[in-house]
Amino acid sequence: MAQVAFIGLGNMGGPMAINLVKAGHQVKAFDLSLDALAVVKAEGADVAVSASDAVEGADFIISMLPASKHVLGLYLGEQGIAGSISKQALVIDCSTIDADSARTLGAGLAAQGIAFIDAPVSGGVGGAKAGTLTFIVGGDEAHFHRAKEVLQGMGKNTFHAGAIGAGQVAKICNNMLLSVLMVATSESLQMGIDNGLDPKVLSDIMLKSSGRNWTLELYNPCPGVLENVPSSNDYQGGFMVDLMAKDLGLALEAATQSQSSTPMGALARNLYVAHQRSGHGKLDFSSIFKSFERKA
């Protein structure tokens, strides 16, 4: 089993680190939150006093951070940890950041003889806890295969999307589509409700018809239709609106750079930003359903 440094123990990173411990890896974790460190320590992880301390002697360094500036600062900033990383180690960044930042990081680490892949995830907090995440990897194919040793302890699917940065592009393409599906599913279900239909019956009908999709089947946004999904728990847990708005922003940046036409993605972003600004940023992204409800 491997010696793994894990940096970033938020809603996603914490459960991921714990699953690595359960898979038998030796995990040394670091986060600025003492509470987050206490949680993983209770599950058997070692706790580092700093990010540099965490990576000392590690075979793999995994980071799960909020944004590009945090990732670049961690590795390449004035107090970055690149100089503390073994030349035999593989750096795996699982954060969702823009592809150019992933390429910048890859080039910066390569200049110091350190291997790197970007490996953003799909599956949300539920997938992180259950160990069923999907990893979408950009980087050298040999590094991709090497990374499976630890990625398989946190997820059930790994895909090699292409060169460094490709993982990020594939992730934002997927999330842009997901956002559009969630918005369309929400407005369709609400239109049925407004016309007197039972949302459970309507969902069953559409699931056997051409409107069938993942959000309708496994993540229904209408409260009470499915059990054990955020919509039936006051939209708590899952993938926050704040994160969806962030990912859609990244998608539109990529679309601008490539001159891609993404009218549905742009509309979905506007709807999610408006929902976010209405005070719903910490709710699950399926709470966009609330935007279509009739107000009293």
C-alpha atoms as a PDB file:
ATOM      1  CA  MET A   1       0.000   0.000   0.000  1.00  0.00           C
ATOM      2  CA  ALA A   2       1.060   3.594  -0.593  1.00  0.00           C
ATOM      3  CA  GLN A   3       2.130   6.526   1.534  1.00  0.00           C
ATOM      4  CA  VAL A   4      -0.361   9.285   0.635  1.00  0.00           C
ATOM      5  CA  ALA A   5      -0.364  12.968   1.519  1.00  0.00           C
ATOM      6  CA  PHE A   6      -3.875  14.436   1.386  1.00  0.00           C
ATOM      7  CA  ILE A   7      -4.300  18.214   1.465  1.00  0.00           C
ATOM      8  CA  GLY A   8      -7.777  19.745   1.692  1.00  0.00           C
ATOM      9  CA  LEU A   9     -10.306  18.038   3.952  1.00  0.00           C
ATOM     10  CA  GLY A  10     -13.567  19.775   3.106  1.00  0.00           C
ATOM     11  CA  ASN A  11     -16.922  18.168   2.330  1.00  0.00           C
ATOM     12  CA  MET A  12     -15.320  16.149  -0.469  1.00  0.00           C
ATOM     13  CA  GLY A  13     -11.708  15.808   0.640  1.00  0.00           C
ATOM     14  CA  GLY A  14     -12.428  14.559   4.140  1.00  0.00           C
ATOM     15  CA  PRO A  15     -14.438  11.498   3.076  1.00  0.00           C
ATOM     16  CA  MET A  16     -11.961  10.794   0.265  1.00  0.00           C
ATOM     17  CA  ALA A  17      -9.048  10.728   2.696  1.00  0.00           C
ATOM     18  CA  ILE A  18     -10.972   8.470   5.057  1.00  0.00           C
ATOM     19  CA  ASN A  19     -11.702   6.020   2.232  1.00  0.00           C
ATOM     20  CA  LEU A  20      -7.983   5.846   1.456  1.00  0.00           C
ATOM     21  CA  VAL A  21      -7.354   4.882   5.081  1.00  0.00           C
ATOM     22  CA  LYS A  22     -10.041   2.210   4.826  1.00  0.00           C
ATOM     23  CA  ALA A  23      -8.383   0.911   1.653  1.00  0.00           C
ATOM     24  CA  GLY A  24      -5.225   0.292   3.634  1.00  0.00           C
ATOM     25  CA  HIS A  25      -3.087   3.251   2.574  1.00  0.00           C
ATOM     26  CA  GLN A  26      -0.953   5.224   5.012  1.00  0.00           C
ATOM     27  CA  VAL A  27      -2.503   8.690   4.889  1.00  0.00           C
ATOM     28  CA  LYS A  28      -0.950  11.864   6.276  1.00  0.00           C
ATOM     29  CA  ALA A  29      -3.453  14.710   6.011  1.00  0.00           C
ATOM     30  CA  PHE A  30      -3.375  18.474   6.299  1.00  0.00           C
ATOM     31  CA  ASP A  31      -6.033  21.169   6.411  1.00  0.00           C
ATOM     32  CA  LEU A  32      -6.276  24.615   7.962  1.00  0.00           C
ATOM     33  CA  SER A  33      -9.328  23.410   9.907  1.00  0.00           C
ATOM     34  CA  LEU A  34      -8.474  21.669  13.157  1.00  0.00           C
ATOM     35  CA  ASP A  35     -11.964  20.158  13.241  1.00  0.00           C
ATOM     36  CA  ALA A  36     -11.446  18.596   9.812  1.00  0.00           C
ATOM     37  CA  LEU A  37      -8.114  17.171  10.934  1.00  0.00           C
ATOM     38  CA  ALA A  38      -9.712  15.707  14.040  1.00  0.00           C
ATOM     39  CA  VAL A  39     -12.295  13.859  11.949  1.00  0.00           C
ATOM     40  CA  VAL A  40      -9.757  12.084   9.726  1.00  0.00           C
ATOM     41  CA  LYS A  41      -7.449  11.405  12.678  1.00  0.00           C
ATOM     42  CA  ALA A  42     -10.296   9.590  14.414  1.00  0.00           C
ATOM     43  CA  GLU A  43     -10.573   7.367  11.320  1.00  0.00           C
ATOM     44  CA  GLY A  44      -6.906   6.409  11.389  1.00  0.00           C
ATOM     45  CA  ALA A  45      -5.110   9.057   9.343  1.00  0.00           C
ATOM     46  CA  ASP A  46      -1.935  10.719  10.553  1.00  0.00           C
ATOM     47  CA  VAL A  47      -2.160  14.494  10.974  1.00  0.00           C
ATOM     48  CA  ALA A  48       0.495  16.838   9.571  1.00  0.00           C
ATOM     49  CA  VAL A  49       1.453  20.182  11.084  1.00  0.00           C
ATOM     50  CA  SER A  50       1.825  21.761   7.635  1.00  0.00           C
ATOM     51  CA  ALA A  51       1.379  20.953   3.969  1.00  0.00           C
ATOM     52  CA  SER A  52       5.153  20.533   3.622  1.00  0.00           C
ATOM     53  CA  ASP A  53       5.134  18.098   6.519  1.00  0.00           C
ATOM     54  CA  ALA A  54       2.323  16.117   4.889  1.00  0.00           C
ATOM     55  CA  VAL A  55       4.177  15.529   1.605  1.00  0.00           C
ATOM     56  CA  GLU A  56       7.495  14.456   3.118  1.00  0.00           C
ATOM     57  CA  GLY A  57       8.235  10.927   1.900  1.00  0.00           C
ATOM     58  CA  ALA A  58       4.834  10.543   0.189  1.00  0.00           C
ATOM     59  CA  ASP A  59       4.374   8.355  -2.894  1.00  0.00           C
ATOM     60  CA  PHE A  60       1.257  10.265  -3.891  1.00  0.00           C
ATOM     61  CA  ILE A  61       0.159  13.814  -3.072  1.00  0.00           C
ATOM     62  CA  ILE A  62      -3.570  14.444  -3.469  1.00  0.00           C
ATOM     63  CA  SER A  63      -5.092  17.920  -3.187  1.00  0.00           C
ATOM     64  CA  MET A  64      -8.765  18.861  -3.048  1.00  0.00           C
ATOM     65  CA  LEU A  65      -9.061  22.647  -2.826  1.00  0.00           C
ATOM     66  CA  PRO A  66     -11.716  25.287  -3.654  1.00  0.00           C
ATOM     67  CA  ALA A  67     -10.206  27.193  -6.592  1.00  0.00           C
ATOM     68  CA  SER A  68      -7.248  27.697  -8.942  1.00  0.00           C
ATOM     69  CA  LYS A  69      -5.556  30.312  -6.742  1.00  0.00           C
ATOM     70  CA  HIS A  70      -5.471  27.888  -3.819  1.00  0.00           C
ATOM     71  CA  VAL A  71      -4.036  25.056  -5.916  1.00  0.00           C
ATOM     72  CA  LEU A  72      -1.358  27.168  -7.610  1.00  0.00           C
ATOM     73  CA  GLY A  73      -0.472  28.813  -4.318  1.00  0.00           C
ATOM     74  CA  LEU A  74      -0.129  25.465  -2.558  1.00  0.00           C
ATOM     75  CA  TYR A  75       2.389  24.079  -5.027  1.00  0.00           C
ATOM     76  CA  LEU A  76       4.020  27.032  -6.788  1.00  0.00           C
ATOM     77  CA  GLY A  77       3.442  30.035  -4.502  1.00  0.00           C
ATOM     78  CA  GLU A  78       6.075  31.845  -2.441  1.00  0.00           C
ATOM     79  CA  GLN A  79       5.582  29.276   0.300  1.00  0.00           C
ATOM     80  CA  GLY A  80       4.671  26.487  -2.100  1.00  0.00           C
ATOM     81  CA  ILE A  81       5.457  22.880  -1.301  1.00  0.00           C
ATOM     82  CA  ALA A  82       6.941  21.754  -4.637  1.00  0.00           C
ATOM     83  CA  GLY A  83      10.448  21.831  -3.161  1.00  0.00           C
ATOM     84  CA  SER A  84       9.372  19.386  -0.438  1.00  0.00           C
ATOM     85  CA  ILE A  85       7.970  16.768  -2.826  1.00  0.00           C
ATOM     86  CA  SER A  86       9.983  13.683  -3.723  1.00  0.00           C
ATOM     87  CA  LYS A  87      10.958  13.383  -7.377  1.00  0.00           C
ATOM     88  CA  GLN A  88       9.515   9.854  -7.287  1.00  0.00           C
ATOM     89  CA  ALA A  89       6.081  11.078  -6.161  1.00  0.00           C
ATOM     90  CA  LEU A  90       2.981  11.644  -8.276  1.00  0.00           C
ATOM     91  CA  VAL A  91       0.904  14.766  -7.638  1.00  0.00           C
ATOM     92  CA  ILE A  92      -2.844  14.314  -8.197  1.00  0.00           C
ATOM     93  CA  ASP A  93      -5.003  17.430  -8.011  1.00  0.00           C
ATOM     94  CA  CYS A  94      -8.695  16.531  -7.663  1.00  0.00           C
ATOM     95  CA  SER A  95      -9.898  20.136  -7.423  1.00  0.00           C
ATOM     96  CA  THR A  96     -12.115  21.571 -10.144  1.00  0.00           C
ATOM     97  CA  ILE A  97     -10.122  24.456 -11.635  1.00  0.00           C
ATOM     98  CA  ASP A  98      -9.679  25.978 -15.085  1.00  0.00           C
ATOM     99  CA  ALA A  99      -7.685  23.935 -17.581  1.00  0.00           C
ATOM    100  CA  ASP A 100      -5.036  26.636 -18.075  1.00  0.00           C
ATOM    101  CA  SER A 101      -4.255  26.625 -14.355  1.00  0.00           C
ATOM    102  CA  ALA A 102      -3.909  22.836 -14.452  1.00  0.00           C
ATOM    103  CA  ARG A 103      -1.484  23.165 -17.375  1.00  0.00           C
ATOM    104  CA  THR A 104       0.468  25.891 -15.548  1.00  0.00           C
ATOM    105  CA  LEU A 105       0.744  23.672 -12.501  1.00  0.00           C
ATOM    106  CA  GLY A 106       1.791  20.686 -14.589  1.00  0.00           C
ATOM    107  CA  ALA A 107       4.516  22.693 -16.328  1.00  0.00           C
ATOM    108  CA  GLY A 108       5.735  24.194 -13.055  1.00  0.00           C
ATOM    109  CA  LEU A 109       6.029  20.809 -11.393  1.00  0.00           C
ATOM    110  CA  ALA A 110       7.598  19.215 -14.489  1.00  0.00           C
ATOM    111  CA  ALA A 111      10.303  21.884 -14.401  1.00  0.00           C
ATOM    112  CA  GLN A 112      11.216  20.518 -10.968  1.00  0.00           C
ATOM    113  CA  GLY A 113      11.081  16.895 -12.110  1.00  0.00           C
ATOM    114  CA  ILE A 114       7.724  16.108 -10.481  1.00  0.00           C
ATOM    115  CA  ALA A 115       4.968  14.117 -12.215  1.00  0.00           C
ATOM    116  CA  PHE A 116       1.428  15.520 -12.211  1.00  0.00           C
ATOM    117  CA  ILE A 117      -2.109  14.706 -13.329  1.00  0.00           C
ATOM    118  CA  ASP A 118      -5.341  16.650 -12.937  1.00  0.00           C
ATOM    119  CA  ALA A 119      -8.147  14.390 -11.744  1.00  0.00           C
ATOM    120  CA  PRO A 120     -11.376  16.293 -10.990  1.00  0.00           C
ATOM    121  CA  VAL A 121     -14.238  14.195  -9.714  1.00  0.00           C
ATOM    122  CA  SER A 122     -17.911  13.611 -10.385  1.00  0.00           C
ATOM    123  CA  GLY A 123     -20.309  12.153  -7.840  1.00  0.00           C
ATOM    124  CA  GLY A 124     -20.701  14.820  -5.167  1.00  0.00           C
ATOM    125  CA  VAL A 125     -20.472  14.451  -1.406  1.00  0.00           C
ATOM    126  CA  GLY A 126     -22.556  11.272  -1.501  1.00  0.00           C
ATOM    127  CA  GLY A 127     -20.105   9.669  -3.893  1.00  0.00           C
ATOM    128  CA  ALA A 128     -17.154  10.852  -1.819  1.00  0.00           C
ATOM    129  CA  LYS A 129     -18.589   9.233   1.308  1.00  0.00           C
ATOM    130  CA  ALA A 130     -19.597   6.026  -0.464  1.00  0.00           C
ATOM    131  CA  GLY A 131     -16.312   5.704  -2.356  1.00  0.00           C
ATOM    132  CA  THR A 132     -18.113   5.703  -5.706  1.00  0.00           C
ATOM    133  CA  LEU A 133     -16.623   8.818  -7.309  1.00  0.00           C
ATOM    134  CA  THR A 134     -15.714   9.081 -10.979  1.00  0.00           C
ATOM    135  CA  PHE A 135     -12.224  10.454 -11.661  1.00  0.00           C
ATOM    136  CA  ILE A 136     -11.653  12.268 -14.966  1.00  0.00           C
ATOM    137  CA  VAL A 137      -7.911  12.390 -15.549  1.00  0.00           C
ATOM    138  CA  GLY A 138      -5.691  14.579 -17.668  1.00  0.00           C
ATOM    139  CA  GLY A 139      -2.013  13.723 -18.020  1.00  0.00           C
ATOM    140  CA  ASP A 140       0.461  11.126 -19.220  1.00  0.00           C
ATOM    141  CA  GLU A 141      -1.108   7.707 -19.694  1.00  0.00           C
ATOM    142  CA  ALA A 142       1.567   6.014 -17.594  1.00  0.00           C
ATOM    143  CA  HIS A 143       0.831   8.402 -14.738  1.00  0.00           C
ATOM    144  CA  PHE A 144      -2.881   7.703 -15.158  1.00  0.00           C
ATOM    145  CA  HIS A 145      -2.334   3.969 -14.714  1.00  0.00           C
ATOM    146  CA  ARG A 146      -0.042   4.551 -11.751  1.00  0.00           C
ATOM    147  CA  ALA A 147      -2.659   6.770 -10.083  1.00  0.00           C
ATOM    148  CA  LYS A 148      -5.254   3.997 -10.164  1.00  0.00           C
ATOM    149  CA  GLU A 149      -3.557   2.470  -7.126  1.00  0.00           C
ATOM    150  CA  VAL A 150      -5.045   5.239  -4.982  1.00  0.00           C
ATOM    151  CA  LEU A 151      -7.952   6.478  -7.106  1.00  0.00           C
ATOM    152  CA  GLN A 152      -9.631   3.073  -6.897  1.00  0.00           C
ATOM    153  CA  GLY A 153      -9.758   3.440  -3.133  1.00  0.00           C
ATOM    154  CA  MET A 154     -11.980   6.524  -3.503  1.00  0.00           C
ATOM    155  CA  GLY A 155     -14.090   5.778  -6.572  1.00  0.00           C
ATOM    156  CA  LYS A 156     -15.446   3.176  -8.931  1.00  0.00           C
ATOM    157  CA  ASN A 157     -14.698   4.787 -12.311  1.00  0.00           C
ATOM    158  CA  THR A 158     -11.524   6.302 -13.753  1.00  0.00           C
ATOM    159  CA  PHE A 159     -11.281   7.829 -17.231  1.00  0.00           C
ATOM    160  CA  HIS A 160      -8.238   9.122 -19.091  1.00  0.00           C
ATOM    161  CA  ALA A 161      -9.476  12.209 -20.958  1.00  0.00           C
ATOM    162  CA  GLY A 162      -6.176  13.239 -22.560  1.00  0.00           C
ATOM    163  CA  ALA A 163      -3.243  15.522 -21.770  1.00  0.00           C
ATOM    164  CA  ILE A 164      -2.944  17.692 -18.648  1.00  0.00           C
ATOM    165  CA  GLY A 165      -6.011  19.952 -18.454  1.00  0.00           C
ATOM    166  CA  ALA A 166      -8.239  17.539 -20.330  1.00  0.00           C
ATOM    167  CA  GLY A 167      -9.697  16.238 -17.089  1.00  0.00           C
ATOM    168  CA  GLN A 168     -10.852  19.743 -16.221  1.00  0.00           C
ATOM    169  CA  VAL A 169     -12.405  20.311 -19.649  1.00  0.00           C
ATOM    170  CA  ALA A 170     -14.314  17.021 -19.528  1.00  0.00           C
ATOM    171  CA  LYS A 171     -15.526  17.780 -15.991  1.00  0.00           C
ATOM    172  CA  ILE A 172     -16.958  21.190 -16.861  1.00  0.00           C
ATOM    173  CA  CYS A 173     -18.579  19.823 -20.037  1.00  0.00           C
ATOM    174  CA  ASN A 174     -20.305  17.184 -17.914  1.00  0.00           C
ATOM    175  CA  ASN A 175     -21.429  19.657 -15.266  1.00  0.00           C
ATOM    176  CA  MET A 176     -22.732  22.103 -17.846  1.00  0.00           C
ATOM    177  CA  LEU A 177     -24.907  19.336 -19.285  1.00  0.00           C
ATOM    178  CA  LEU A 178     -25.972  18.293 -15.776  1.00  0.00           C
ATOM    179  CA  SER A 179     -27.083  21.840 -14.959  1.00  0.00           C
ATOM    180  CA  VAL A 180     -29.176  22.072 -18.117  1.00  0.00           C
ATOM    181  CA  LEU A 181     -30.812  18.714 -17.397  1.00  0.00           C
ATOM    182  CA  MET A 182     -31.604  19.758 -13.818  1.00  0.00           C
ATOM    183  CA  VAL A 183     -33.180  23.039 -14.903  1.00  0.00           C
ATOM    184  CA  ALA A 184     -35.250  21.377 -17.630  1.00  0.00           C
ATOM    185  CA  THR A 185     -36.357  18.561 -15.335  1.00  0.00           C
ATOM    186  CA  SER A 186     -37.376  21.060 -12.653  1.00  0.00           C
ATOM    187  CA  GLU A 187     -39.458  23.256 -14.938  1.00  0.00           C
ATOM    188  CA  SER A 188     -41.125  20.252 -16.564  1.00  0.00           C
ATOM    189  CA  LEU A 189     -42.113  18.716 -13.231  1.00  0.00           C
ATOM    190  CA  GLN A 190     -43.418  22.058 -11.956  1.00  0.00           C
ATOM    191  CA  MET A 191     -45.477  22.595 -15.106  1.00  0.00           C
ATOM    192  CA  GLY A 192     -47.067  19.195 -14.497  1.00  0.00           C
ATOM    193  CA  ILE A 193     -47.798  20.101 -10.881  1.00  0.00           C
ATOM    194  CA  ASP A 194     -49.302  23.441 -11.957  1.00  0.00           C
ATOM    195  CA  ASN A 195     -51.649  21.498 -14.207  1.00  0.00           C
ATOM    196  CA  GLY A 196     -52.774  19.096 -11.497  1.00  0.00           C
ATOM    197  CA  LEU A 197     -50.432  16.144 -12.027  1.00  0.00           C
ATOM    198  CA  ASP A 198     -48.827  14.101  -9.267  1.00  0.00           C
ATOM    199  CA  PRO A 199     -45.048  14.633  -9.634  1.00  0.00           C
ATOM    200  CA  LYS A 200     -44.338  10.988  -8.779  1.00  0.00           C
ATOM    201  CA  VAL A 201     -46.718   9.762 -11.476  1.00  0.00           C
ATOM    202  CA  LEU A 202     -45.334  12.276 -13.970  1.00  0.00           C
ATOM    203  CA  SER A 203     -41.770  11.204 -13.137  1.00  0.00           C
ATOM    204  CA  ASP A 204     -42.685   7.556 -13.714  1.00  0.00           C
ATOM    205  CA  ILE A 205     -44.248   8.455 -17.066  1.00  0.00           C
ATOM    206  CA  MET A 206     -41.218  10.440 -18.233  1.00  0.00           C
ATOM    207  CA  LEU A 207     -38.837   7.734 -17.070  1.00  0.00           C
ATOM    208  CA  LYS A 208     -40.507   5.364 -19.533  1.00  0.00           C
ATOM    209  CA  SER A 209     -40.571   8.011 -22.246  1.00  0.00           C
ATOM    210  CA  SER A 210     -38.104  10.047 -24.293  1.00  0.00           C
ATOM    211  CA  GLY A 211     -37.554  12.611 -21.511  1.00  0.00           C
ATOM    212  CA  ARG A 212     -35.746  10.109 -19.302  1.00  0.00           C
ATOM    213  CA  ASN A 213     -32.495  11.458 -17.842  1.00  0.00           C
ATOM    214  CA  TRP A 214     -30.160  11.034 -14.847  1.00  0.00           C
ATOM    215  CA  THR A 215     -31.578  13.909 -12.799  1.00  0.00           C
ATOM    216  CA  LEU A 216     -35.127  12.596 -13.183  1.00  0.00           C
ATOM    217  CA  GLU A 217     -34.208   8.998 -12.387  1.00  0.00           C
ATOM    218  CA  LEU A 218     -31.599   9.244  -9.634  1.00  0.00           C
ATOM    219  CA  TYR A 219     -31.641  12.818  -8.296  1.00  0.00           C
ATOM    220  CA  ASN A 220     -35.226  13.990  -8.683  1.00  0.00           C
ATOM    221  CA  PRO A 221     -35.480  17.691  -7.694  1.00  0.00           C
ATOM    222  CA  CYS A 222     -39.112  17.519  -6.548  1.00  0.00           C
ATOM    223  CA  PRO A 223     -39.452  16.845  -2.794  1.00  0.00           C
ATOM    224  CA  GLY A 224     -41.018  13.509  -1.912  1.00  0.00           C
ATOM    225  CA  VAL A 225     -40.588  11.774  -5.261  1.00  0.00           C
ATOM    226  CA  LEU A 226     -37.414   9.882  -4.290  1.00  0.00           C
ATOM    227  CA  GLU A 227     -36.041   8.955  -0.898  1.00  0.00           C
ATOM    228  CA  ASN A 228     -32.441   9.596   0.133  1.00  0.00           C
ATOM    229  CA  VAL A 229     -31.871  12.519  -2.231  1.00  0.00           C
ATOM    230  CA  PRO A 230     -31.313  16.152  -1.199  1.00  0.00           C
ATOM    231  CA  SER A 231     -34.733  17.332  -2.429  1.00  0.00           C
ATOM    232  CA  SER A 232     -36.382  15.114   0.184  1.00  0.00           C
ATOM    233  CA  ASN A 233     -34.059  16.476   2.892  1.00  0.00           C
ATOM    234  CA  ASP A 234     -34.722  20.214   2.491  1.00  0.00           C
ATOM    235  CA  TYR A 235     -32.006  20.237  -0.194  1.00  0.00           C
ATOM    236  CA  GLN A 236     -29.272  19.569   2.346  1.00  0.00           C
ATOM    237  CA  GLY A 237     -26.123  17.676   1.345  1.00  0.00           C
ATOM    238  CA  GLY A 238     -25.108  16.850  -2.186  1.00  0.00           C
ATOM    239  CA  PHE A 239     -23.530  19.373  -4.576  1.00  0.00           C
ATOM    240  CA  MET A 240     -23.972  22.984  -3.518  1.00  0.00           C
ATOM    241  CA  VAL A 241     -25.407  25.720  -5.734  1.00  0.00           C
ATOM    242  CA  ASP A 242     -22.229  27.724  -5.041  1.00  0.00           C
ATOM    243  CA  LEU A 243     -20.140  24.964  -6.612  1.00  0.00           C
ATOM    244  CA  MET A 244     -22.418  24.562  -9.624  1.00  0.00           C
ATOM    245  CA  ALA A 245     -22.287  28.319 -10.242  1.00  0.00           C
ATOM    246  CA  LYS A 246     -18.489  28.159 -10.024  1.00  0.00           C
ATOM    247  CA  ASP A 247     -18.257  25.245 -12.469  1.00  0.00           C
ATOM    248  CA  LEU A 248     -20.597  26.950 -14.924  1.00  0.00           C
ATOM    249  CA  GLY A 249     -18.394  30.019 -14.762  1.00  0.00           C
ATOM    250  CA  LEU A 250     -15.409  27.846 -15.668  1.00  0.00           C
ATOM    251  CA  ALA A 251     -17.408  26.284 -18.504  1.00  0.00           C
ATOM    252  CA  LEU A 252     -18.269  29.661 -19.999  1.00  0.00           C
ATOM    253  CA  GLU A 253     -14.633  30.804 -19.703  1.00  0.00           C
ATOM    254  CA  ALA A 254     -13.586  27.709 -21.649  1.00  0.00           C
ATOM    255  CA  ALA A 255     -16.334  28.310 -24.210  1.00  0.00           C
ATOM    256  CA  THR A 256     -15.117  31.871 -24.752  1.00  0.00           C
ATOM    257  CA  GLN A 257     -11.534  30.708 -25.248  1.00  0.00           C
ATOM    258  CA  SER A 258     -12.550  28.071 -27.800  1.00  0.00           C
ATOM    259  CA  GLN A 259     -15.288  30.216 -29.382  1.00  0.00           C
ATOM    260  CA  SER A 260     -17.802  27.469 -28.626  1.00  0.00           C
ATOM    261  CA  SER A 261     -21.521  28.190 -28.802  1.00  0.00           C
ATOM    262  CA  THR A 262     -23.131  27.338 -25.443  1.00  0.00           C
ATOM    263  CA  PRO A 263     -26.475  29.189 -25.210  1.00  0.00           C
ATOM    264  CA  MET A 264     -28.048  26.600 -22.903  1.00  0.00           C
ATOM    265  CA  GLY A 265     -24.995  26.620 -20.645  1.00  0.00           C
ATOM    266  CA  ALA A 266     -25.088  30.413 -20.459  1.00  0.00           C
ATOM    267  CA  LEU A 267     -28.776  30.391 -19.548  1.00  0.00           C
ATOM    268  CA  ALA A 268     -28.221  27.715 -16.895  1.00  0.00           C
ATOM    269  CA  ARG A 269     -25.412  29.772 -15.380  1.00  0.00           C
ATOM    270  CA  ASN A 270     -27.610  32.874 -15.220  1.00  0.00           C
ATOM    271  CA  LEU A 271     -30.340  30.870 -13.468  1.00  0.00           C
ATOM    272  CA  TYR A 272     -27.925  29.354 -10.973  1.00  0.00           C
ATOM    273  CA  VAL A 273     -26.239  32.680 -10.213  1.00  0.00           C
ATOM    274  CA  ALA A 274     -29.654  34.258  -9.606  1.00  0.00           C
ATOM    275  CA  HIS A 275     -30.574  31.321  -7.345  1.00  0.00           C
ATOM    276  CA  GLN A 276     -27.258  31.723  -5.526  1.00  0.00           C
ATOM    277  CA  ARG A 277     -27.820  35.452  -5.009  1.00  0.00           C
ATOM    278  CA  SER A 278     -31.262  34.725  -3.589  1.00  0.00           C
ATOM    279  CA  GLY A 279     -29.559  33.090  -0.624  1.00  0.00           C
ATOM    280  CA  HIS A 280     -29.580  29.466  -1.760  1.00  0.00           C
ATOM    281  CA  GLY A 281     -25.855  29.004  -2.369  1.00  0.00           C
ATOM    282  CA  LYS A 282     -25.376  26.399   0.360  1.00  0.00           C
ATOM    283  CA  LEU A 283     -28.313  24.255  -0.777  1.00  0.00           C
ATOM    284  CA  ASP A 284     -27.964  21.340  -3.181  1.00  0.00           C
ATOM    285  CA  PHE A 285     -28.073  22.331  -6.841  1.00  0.00           C
ATOM    286  CA  SER A 286     -31.383  20.461  -7.305  1.00  0.00           C
ATOM    287  CA  SER A 287     -32.946  23.280  -5.256  1.00  0.00           C
ATOM    288  CA  ILE A 288     -33.185  25.195  -8.544  1.00  0.00           C
ATOM    289  CA  PHE A 289     -36.612  23.505  -8.536  1.00  0.00           C
ATOM    290  CA  LYS A 290     -37.672  26.150  -5.992  1.00  0.00           C
ATOM    291  CA  SER A 291     -37.184  28.836  -8.631  1.00  0.00           C
ATOM    292  CA  PHE A 292     -40.111  27.457 -10.602  1.00  0.00           C
ATOM    293  CA  GLU A 293     -42.558  26.990  -7.733  1.00  0.00           C
ATOM    294  CA  ARG A 294     -45.597  29.220  -7.659  1.00  0.00           C
ATOM    295  CA  LYS A 295     -45.211  31.885  -5.026  1.00  0.00           C
ATOM    296  CA  ALA A 296     -48.124  32.344  -2.630  1.00  0.00           C
END
